[in-house]
Amino acid sequence: MSRSPIVLSVLVSSLCLAFVPDPPTKKIARFHQRILTLDTHADAPIMLQKAGFDIGVAHDTKRDNSQIDFPRMKAGAMDAMFFAVYLSQGPRTPAGHAEAKRNALNQFKLINDALKKYPDMAELATTPADAYRIQKAGKRAVFIGMENGYPIGEDLSLVKTYYDLGCRYVTLSHFANNAICDSSTDPDGPIHNGLSAFGRQVVAEMNRLGIMIDISHTSDKTFYDVLSLTKTPVIASHSNCRALCDFPRNMTDDMIRAIAKNGGVVQVNFVSDYLRKPSEAHRQALTKIRMASVGRVATPEQEARQQARTDSVKQVYKNERASLADIVNHIDHIVQVAGIDHVGIGSDFDGGGGVNGLEDVSQIENLTAELRNRGYSKKAITKIWGGNLLRVLSKQ
């Protein structure tokens, strides 16, 4: 039976309203303010590249299509975030690698320019001690990660270049294969059968320097290759559970247990498609958009068009959007499979993250409240919100 657009709109609105959580109590708010909160995957550099965007000014989530800025971090008591230097996968050629390097270096500069502009609001962090010191000073700690090893190209010396600029993790691949390894989602399938010979050198160099190896986005074979080689604990900076949402980007229970055995941590992300399985039509629409940029360097205009198409698809399928409860369901599952010491938060804000009840960084206290409602102790929540990740960083 068909329904009018007005009736459908009312139904969708009702579904969305059903996911709005109760405001946190004052007791939970005080606890949330005291603990150190850390998010391993924030795509703020995407916004920093947009003309006129000022991270030191509070923005409106919907109007400005932005989820992170320093004022909203403070409002939500988000103490530390890894800003991701993100590159979509382009051509695996000398010219493609040179452009990726240029783009990455520009993003490092934009992050540092923002920190120089607002020294009273935020500061660069590279160690656990930095995070606690900066929190005590009442400022935001900005760590740097790199999403996609594409800017490394085939030049091993660039791993140290990025480390010296503050990079403390590298997501080895993104939505397509690169010179380092196979991705979990390349439409053409694997080309290296896991890590390439060069990728094995990259793993060893990251271990030597003290850069966390991030296996989010990598193929299952790459994942197991990394664990067989690494001398230090690894992270999944923004990955969820395949048992709850069957998607190649998510991790099987065996993979979650393997990370726990390695001493690493799985950081749950807030992307609806990886929290709750979308319909087949929804999945195909998003896959078509994501794969459109694979194998080429996108211009700003092309990226804007891709974002507009993504927003349009999200609007069509907004009744399938995940909720705050879905995030905690994935946290619950990881705890059941691997224990409380191996789970954390990697929101993917400004990169697709955001659910009903948790729309931007100013609302993260809602997650603390939901964890308390599920029965998590204050000690456990402190581990989830950053303690586990900082333990892994200290082991590098």
Protein backbone atom coordinates (compact mmCIF):
# COMPACT_ATOMS: atom_id res chain seq x y z
CA MET A 1 0.00 0.00 0.00
CA SER A 2 1.36 3.42 -0.95
CA ARG A 3 1.38 6.40 1.38
CA SER A 4 1.47 10.10 0.60
CA PRO A 5 4.78 11.98 1.07
CA ILE A 6 3.22 13.89 3.99
CA VAL A 7 2.27 10.68 5.81
CA LEU A 8 5.71 9.19 5.14
CA SER A 9 7.33 12.35 6.46
CA VAL A 10 5.33 12.14 9.69
CA LEU A 11 6.26 8.47 10.12
CA VAL A 12 9.96 9.19 9.56
CA SER A 13 9.86 12.11 12.00
CA SER A 14 8.21 9.90 14.60
CA LEU A 15 10.87 7.23 14.17
CA CYS A 16 13.63 9.80 14.58
CA LEU A 17 12.04 11.32 17.67
CA ALA A 18 11.83 7.87 19.25
CA PHE A 19 15.63 7.73 19.30
CA VAL A 20 16.14 11.03 21.14
CA PRO A 21 17.71 10.16 24.53
CA ASP A 22 16.80 11.71 27.84
CA PRO A 23 19.20 14.49 28.92
CA PRO A 24 22.07 13.21 31.08
CA THR A 25 21.62 13.70 34.80
CA LYS A 26 23.75 16.25 36.65
CA LYS A 27 25.65 13.39 38.30
CA ILE A 28 26.54 11.85 34.93
CA ALA A 29 27.40 15.28 33.55
CA ARG A 30 29.87 15.87 36.39
CA PHE A 31 31.45 12.46 35.83
CA HIS A 32 31.69 13.08 32.09
CA GLN A 33 33.43 16.40 32.72
CA ARG A 34 36.05 14.76 34.95
CA ILE A 35 37.18 11.87 32.76
CA LEU A 36 39.47 12.20 29.74
CA THR A 37 37.46 11.66 26.56
CA LEU A 38 39.31 10.73 23.37
CA ASP A 39 38.05 10.06 19.84
CA THR A 40 40.46 8.36 17.44
CA HIS A 41 38.84 9.39 14.19
CA ALA A 42 37.67 12.92 13.42
CA ASP A 43 37.64 14.24 9.86
CA ALA A 44 37.94 17.90 10.87
CA PRO A 45 40.67 18.49 8.22
CA ILE A 46 38.01 18.00 5.55
CA MET A 47 36.33 21.14 6.87
CA LEU A 48 39.64 22.96 7.37
CA GLN A 49 40.20 22.70 3.61
CA LYS A 50 36.97 24.57 2.87
CA ALA A 51 37.32 28.29 2.22
CA GLY A 52 36.17 30.41 5.12
CA PHE A 53 35.77 27.61 7.65
CA ASP A 54 37.02 28.69 11.10
CA ILE A 55 37.45 25.89 13.64
CA GLY A 56 37.66 28.42 16.46
CA VAL A 57 34.04 29.50 15.94
CA ALA A 58 30.96 27.48 16.91
CA HIS A 59 29.02 26.23 13.88
CA ASP A 60 25.54 24.88 13.32
CA THR A 61 25.60 21.18 12.55
CA LYS A 62 22.91 21.19 9.86
CA ARG A 63 23.35 24.64 8.38
CA ASP A 64 27.14 24.42 8.11
CA ASN A 65 27.35 20.65 7.50
CA SER A 66 29.97 20.56 10.26
CA GLN A 67 30.25 18.44 13.40
CA ILE A 68 33.53 19.59 14.96
CA ASP A 69 35.01 22.87 16.11
CA PHE A 70 36.89 23.89 19.25
CA PRO A 71 33.89 25.57 20.97
CA ARG A 72 31.67 22.52 20.43
CA MET A 73 34.46 20.21 21.61
CA LYS A 74 34.55 22.24 24.82
CA ALA A 75 30.76 22.25 25.12
CA GLY A 76 30.68 18.45 24.85
CA ALA A 77 33.73 17.98 27.09
CA MET A 78 35.56 16.24 24.26
CA ASP A 79 39.10 16.48 25.53
CA ALA A 80 41.10 14.88 22.72
CA MET A 81 40.56 13.95 19.09
CA PHE A 82 42.73 12.47 16.38
CA PHE A 83 42.29 14.76 13.38
CA ALA A 84 42.60 12.51 10.33
CA VAL A 85 44.73 13.58 7.39
CA TYR A 86 42.47 11.85 4.88
CA LEU A 87 43.17 11.04 1.22
CA SER A 88 40.77 9.18 -1.02
CA GLN A 89 42.54 6.59 -3.15
CA GLY A 90 43.80 7.91 -6.48
CA PRO A 91 46.07 6.48 -9.17
CA ARG A 92 48.92 4.25 -7.99
CA THR A 93 51.38 6.17 -10.15
CA PRO A 94 54.33 8.49 -9.45
CA ALA A 95 52.13 11.48 -10.29
CA GLY A 96 49.28 10.21 -8.12
CA HIS A 97 51.61 9.60 -5.18
CA ALA A 98 53.19 13.05 -5.57
CA GLU A 99 49.76 14.71 -5.49
CA ALA A 100 48.74 12.67 -2.44
CA LYS A 101 51.92 13.75 -0.64
CA ARG A 102 51.25 17.40 -1.50
CA ASN A 103 47.67 17.13 -0.27
CA ALA A 104 48.71 15.42 2.97
CA LEU A 105 51.39 18.02 3.74
CA ASN A 106 48.83 20.75 3.18
CA GLN A 107 46.46 19.14 5.68
CA PHE A 108 49.22 18.92 8.29
CA LYS A 109 49.84 22.62 7.72
CA LEU A 110 46.15 23.50 8.07
CA ILE A 111 45.95 21.65 11.40
CA ASN A 112 49.04 23.40 12.71
CA ASP A 113 47.82 26.78 11.44
CA ALA A 114 44.57 26.29 13.38
CA LEU A 115 46.48 25.43 16.54
CA LYS A 116 48.71 28.47 16.14
CA LYS A 117 45.65 30.68 15.62
CA TYR A 118 43.93 29.40 18.77
CA PRO A 119 46.69 28.51 21.28
CA ASP A 120 44.34 29.12 24.21
CA MET A 121 41.78 26.63 22.84
CA ALA A 122 43.81 23.67 21.63
CA GLU A 123 47.28 22.20 21.41
CA LEU A 124 49.04 19.43 19.47
CA ALA A 125 49.44 16.17 21.39
CA THR A 126 51.67 13.22 20.52
CA THR A 127 51.80 11.24 23.81
CA PRO A 128 49.39 10.15 26.54
CA ALA A 129 51.10 12.59 28.92
CA ASP A 130 50.32 15.43 26.49
CA ALA A 131 46.64 14.53 26.52
CA TYR A 132 46.36 14.67 30.31
CA ARG A 133 48.45 17.85 30.54
CA ILE A 134 46.38 19.66 27.92
CA GLN A 135 43.12 18.49 29.52
CA LYS A 136 44.31 19.83 32.89
CA ALA A 137 45.01 23.19 31.23
CA GLY A 138 41.38 23.33 30.05
CA LYS A 139 42.25 23.03 26.34
CA ARG A 140 41.53 20.49 23.62
CA ALA A 141 44.26 17.99 22.72
CA VAL A 142 44.61 17.46 18.96
CA PHE A 143 46.41 14.31 17.90
CA ILE A 144 47.01 13.58 14.20
CA GLY A 145 46.35 10.37 12.33
CA MET A 146 46.50 9.59 8.61
CA GLU A 147 43.59 7.84 6.94
CA ASN A 148 44.96 5.91 3.97
CA GLY A 149 48.66 5.17 3.49
CA TYR A 150 48.35 6.50 -0.07
CA PRO A 151 50.50 9.62 0.69
CA ILE A 152 53.38 7.29 1.58
CA GLY A 153 53.33 6.10 -2.00
CA GLU A 154 56.31 3.80 -2.42
CA ASP A 155 58.72 6.00 -0.46
CA LEU A 156 59.48 4.47 2.94
CA SER A 157 61.23 7.65 4.14
CA LEU A 158 57.88 9.46 4.13
CA VAL A 159 56.73 7.42 7.13
CA LYS A 160 59.24 9.34 9.26
CA THR A 161 58.36 12.61 7.53
CA TYR A 162 54.76 12.24 8.69
CA TYR A 163 55.82 11.03 12.14
CA ASP A 164 57.95 14.15 12.58
CA LEU A 165 54.88 16.25 11.70
CA GLY A 166 52.95 14.62 14.55
CA CYS A 167 51.29 11.62 12.90
CA ARG A 168 50.69 8.86 15.46
CA TYR A 169 48.67 6.37 13.44
CA VAL A 170 48.27 5.45 9.79
CA THR A 171 45.20 3.68 8.42
CA LEU A 172 47.00 1.45 5.93
CA SER A 173 44.33 1.70 3.20
CA HIS A 174 40.95 3.23 2.47
CA PHE A 175 38.17 2.14 0.08
CA ALA A 176 40.58 0.81 -2.55
CA ASN A 177 43.92 -0.98 -2.76
CA ASN A 178 47.15 0.99 -2.57
CA ALA A 179 50.87 0.22 -2.73
CA ILE A 180 50.87 -0.96 0.89
CA CYS A 181 48.01 -3.44 1.02
CA ASP A 182 44.61 -4.61 -0.13
CA SER A 183 41.47 -2.83 0.98
CA SER A 184 38.33 -4.57 2.23
CA THR A 185 36.18 -2.84 -0.38
CA ASP A 186 38.12 -2.52 -3.64
CA PRO A 187 35.64 -3.42 -6.43
CA ASP A 188 38.42 -5.09 -8.42
CA GLY A 189 39.40 -7.42 -5.59
CA PRO A 190 42.87 -7.96 -4.08
CA ILE A 191 46.11 -7.27 -5.90
CA HIS A 192 48.65 -8.15 -3.18
CA ASN A 193 46.90 -10.97 -1.32
CA GLY A 194 47.14 -8.87 1.84
CA LEU A 195 50.21 -6.79 2.59
CA SER A 196 52.54 -6.07 -0.30
CA ALA A 197 56.31 -6.54 0.09
CA PHE A 198 56.52 -2.76 0.50
CA GLY A 199 53.67 -2.88 3.02
CA ARG A 200 55.73 -5.25 5.18
CA GLN A 201 58.48 -2.64 5.24
CA VAL A 202 55.93 0.02 6.21
CA VAL A 203 54.72 -2.09 9.15
CA ALA A 204 58.30 -2.55 10.37
CA GLU A 205 59.05 1.17 10.01
CA MET A 206 55.89 2.17 11.87
CA ASN A 207 56.89 -0.20 14.67
CA ARG A 208 60.37 1.32 14.74
CA LEU A 209 59.14 4.90 14.93
CA GLY A 210 56.23 4.35 17.30
CA ILE A 211 53.28 4.93 14.96
CA MET A 212 50.14 2.93 15.69
CA ILE A 213 49.12 0.64 12.83
CA ASP A 214 45.45 1.12 12.00
CA ILE A 215 43.73 -1.80 10.28
CA SER A 216 40.35 -0.14 9.66
CA HIS A 217 39.46 -0.42 5.96
CA THR A 218 42.01 -3.16 5.25
CA SER A 219 41.12 -6.57 3.84
CA ASP A 220 40.85 -9.53 6.19
CA LYS A 221 44.05 -10.99 4.75
CA THR A 222 45.87 -7.69 5.30
CA PHE A 223 44.60 -7.68 8.89
CA TYR A 224 46.07 -11.10 9.64
CA ASP A 225 49.31 -10.29 7.79
CA VAL A 226 49.75 -7.21 9.99
CA LEU A 227 49.14 -9.14 13.20
CA SER A 228 51.69 -11.76 12.18
CA LEU A 229 54.36 -9.07 11.72
CA THR A 230 53.75 -6.24 14.19
CA LYS A 231 55.79 -6.00 17.38
CA THR A 232 53.32 -3.60 19.03
CA PRO A 233 49.54 -3.48 19.60
CA VAL A 234 47.41 -2.29 16.68
CA ILE A 235 44.18 -0.34 16.51
CA ALA A 236 41.05 -0.28 14.42
CA SER A 237 40.55 3.48 14.61
CA HIS A 238 36.93 3.42 13.40
CA SER A 239 35.46 -0.06 12.90
CA ASN A 240 32.42 -1.97 14.12
CA CYS A 241 31.22 -5.57 14.49
CA ARG A 242 30.41 -7.71 11.47
CA ALA A 243 28.21 -9.94 13.66
CA LEU A 244 25.82 -7.01 14.13
CA CYS A 245 26.22 -5.36 10.72
CA ASP A 246 27.53 -7.61 7.96
CA PHE A 247 29.80 -5.32 5.96
CA PRO A 248 33.45 -5.94 4.88
CA ARG A 249 34.56 -2.75 6.68
CA ASN A 250 33.49 -4.30 9.99
CA MET A 251 35.37 -6.90 12.00
CA THR A 252 34.49 -10.54 12.61
CA ASP A 253 34.48 -11.89 16.15
CA ASP A 254 37.70 -13.80 15.35
CA MET A 255 39.35 -10.54 14.28
CA ILE A 256 38.17 -8.79 17.44
CA ARG A 257 39.61 -11.61 19.55
CA ALA A 258 42.87 -11.42 17.59
CA ILE A 259 43.18 -7.70 18.31
CA ALA A 260 42.58 -8.39 21.99
CA LYS A 261 45.29 -11.07 22.00
CA ASN A 262 47.60 -8.55 20.33
CA GLY A 263 46.80 -6.04 23.10
CA GLY A 264 45.10 -3.63 20.72
CA VAL A 265 41.75 -1.87 20.67
CA VAL A 266 38.69 -1.59 18.40
CA GLN A 267 37.30 1.96 18.25
CA VAL A 268 33.57 1.95 17.49
CA ASN A 269 32.46 4.43 14.86
CA PHE A 270 29.21 6.34 14.40
CA VAL A 271 28.55 5.75 10.68
CA SER A 272 24.99 4.48 10.39
CA ASP A 273 25.78 2.06 7.54
CA TYR A 274 28.32 0.24 9.72
CA LEU A 275 26.09 0.17 12.80
CA ARG A 276 22.86 -1.09 11.28
CA LYS A 277 22.75 -2.98 7.99
CA PRO A 278 21.16 -0.78 5.31
CA SER A 279 18.71 -2.10 2.75
CA GLU A 280 20.24 -3.48 -0.43
CA ALA A 281 19.06 -0.47 -2.45
CA HIS A 282 20.62 1.90 0.11
CA ARG A 283 23.89 -0.04 0.13
CA GLN A 284 24.15 -0.09 -3.66
CA ALA A 285 23.45 3.64 -3.91
CA LEU A 286 26.20 4.48 -1.42
CA THR A 287 28.67 2.01 -2.96
CA LYS A 288 28.16 3.57 -6.39
CA ILE A 289 28.97 7.02 -4.99
CA ARG A 290 32.00 5.85 -3.02
CA MET A 291 33.49 3.92 -5.91
CA ALA A 292 33.06 6.83 -8.35
CA SER A 293 36.25 8.45 -7.10
CA VAL A 294 38.41 5.33 -6.92
CA GLY A 295 41.48 5.53 -9.15
CA ARG A 296 41.55 9.27 -9.68
CA VAL A 297 42.42 12.43 -7.81
CA ALA A 298 39.20 14.32 -7.21
CA THR A 299 39.01 18.08 -7.60
CA PRO A 300 37.24 20.13 -4.90
CA GLU A 301 34.30 20.52 -7.26
CA GLN A 302 34.07 16.75 -7.80
CA GLU A 303 34.27 16.12 -4.05
CA ALA A 304 31.47 18.65 -3.49
CA ARG A 305 29.29 16.87 -6.04
CA GLN A 306 30.04 13.53 -4.40
CA GLN A 307 29.06 14.93 -0.99
CA ALA A 308 25.83 16.32 -2.44
CA ARG A 309 24.97 12.91 -3.89
CA THR A 310 25.75 11.24 -0.55
CA ASP A 311 23.53 13.72 1.29
CA SER A 312 20.73 13.04 -1.17
CA VAL A 313 20.94 9.28 -0.61
CA LYS A 314 20.97 9.78 3.17
CA GLN A 315 17.83 11.88 2.89
CA VAL A 316 16.03 9.21 0.87
CA TYR A 317 16.92 6.47 3.37
CA LYS A 318 16.89 8.49 6.60
CA ASN A 319 14.36 6.10 8.16
CA GLU A 320 17.17 3.50 8.22
CA ARG A 321 19.50 5.76 10.21
CA ALA A 322 21.09 4.26 13.31
CA SER A 323 20.66 5.52 16.86
CA LEU A 324 22.76 6.06 19.95
CA ALA A 325 21.58 2.66 21.19
CA ASP A 326 23.14 1.02 18.10
CA ILE A 327 26.55 2.46 19.02
CA VAL A 328 26.34 0.95 22.48
CA ASN A 329 25.15 -2.36 21.03
CA HIS A 330 28.46 -2.60 19.17
CA ILE A 331 30.40 -1.61 22.29
CA ASP A 332 28.50 -4.31 24.21
CA HIS A 333 29.38 -6.90 21.59
CA ILE A 334 33.10 -6.10 21.61
CA VAL A 335 33.14 -6.25 25.41
CA GLN A 336 31.41 -9.64 25.32
CA VAL A 337 33.85 -10.98 22.73
CA ALA A 338 37.13 -9.42 23.87
CA GLY A 339 36.68 -7.73 27.24
CA ILE A 340 36.49 -4.15 28.47
CA ASP A 341 40.17 -3.41 27.76
CA HIS A 342 39.80 -3.60 23.99
CA VAL A 343 37.10 -1.12 22.98
CA GLY A 344 37.02 2.63 22.44
CA ILE A 345 35.49 5.43 20.36
CA GLY A 346 36.32 6.57 16.80
CA SER A 347 33.34 8.67 15.75
CA ASP A 348 34.10 9.54 12.11
CA PHE A 349 32.48 12.94 12.72
CA ASP A 350 32.77 15.17 9.64
CA GLY A 351 33.35 12.00 7.63
CA GLY A 352 29.91 10.41 7.74
CA GLY A 353 29.54 9.73 11.46
CA GLY A 354 26.45 10.81 13.37
CA VAL A 355 23.29 9.06 14.55
CA ASN A 356 19.94 9.95 16.05
CA GLY A 357 20.76 11.18 19.53
CA LEU A 358 24.40 11.95 18.76
CA GLU A 359 24.67 14.46 15.92
CA ASP A 360 27.93 16.26 16.66
CA VAL A 361 30.80 16.54 19.11
CA SER A 362 28.82 18.76 21.50
CA GLN A 363 26.48 15.82 22.27
CA ILE A 364 28.98 13.14 23.30
CA GLU A 365 27.81 13.30 26.90
CA ASN A 366 24.73 11.41 25.66
CA LEU A 367 26.97 8.40 24.99
CA THR A 368 28.32 8.47 28.54
CA ALA A 369 24.75 8.56 29.82
CA GLU A 370 23.73 5.60 27.66
CA LEU A 371 26.75 3.59 28.85
CA ARG A 372 25.76 4.27 32.46
CA ASN A 373 22.18 3.26 31.64
CA ARG A 374 23.50 -0.05 30.28
CA GLY A 375 25.27 -0.69 33.58
CA TYR A 376 28.87 0.21 32.72
CA SER A 377 30.91 1.28 35.73
CA LYS A 378 32.73 4.58 35.86
CA LYS A 379 36.03 2.69 35.59
CA ALA A 380 34.83 0.87 32.47
CA ILE A 381 33.59 4.07 30.84
CA THR A 382 36.93 5.76 31.55
CA LYS A 383 38.62 2.92 29.64
CA ILE A 384 36.18 3.13 26.73
CA TRP A 385 36.48 6.92 26.44
CA GLY A 386 40.26 6.95 26.08
CA GLY A 387 42.05 4.87 28.65
CA ASN A 388 42.37 1.84 26.40
CA LEU A 389 43.62 3.80 23.42
CA LEU A 390 46.19 5.72 25.47
CA ARG A 391 47.45 2.41 26.85
CA VAL A 392 48.03 1.20 23.28
CA LEU A 393 49.75 4.47 22.32
CA SER A 394 52.09 4.12 25.31
CA LYS A 395 53.13 0.65 24.05
CA GLN A 396 54.40 1.89 20.68
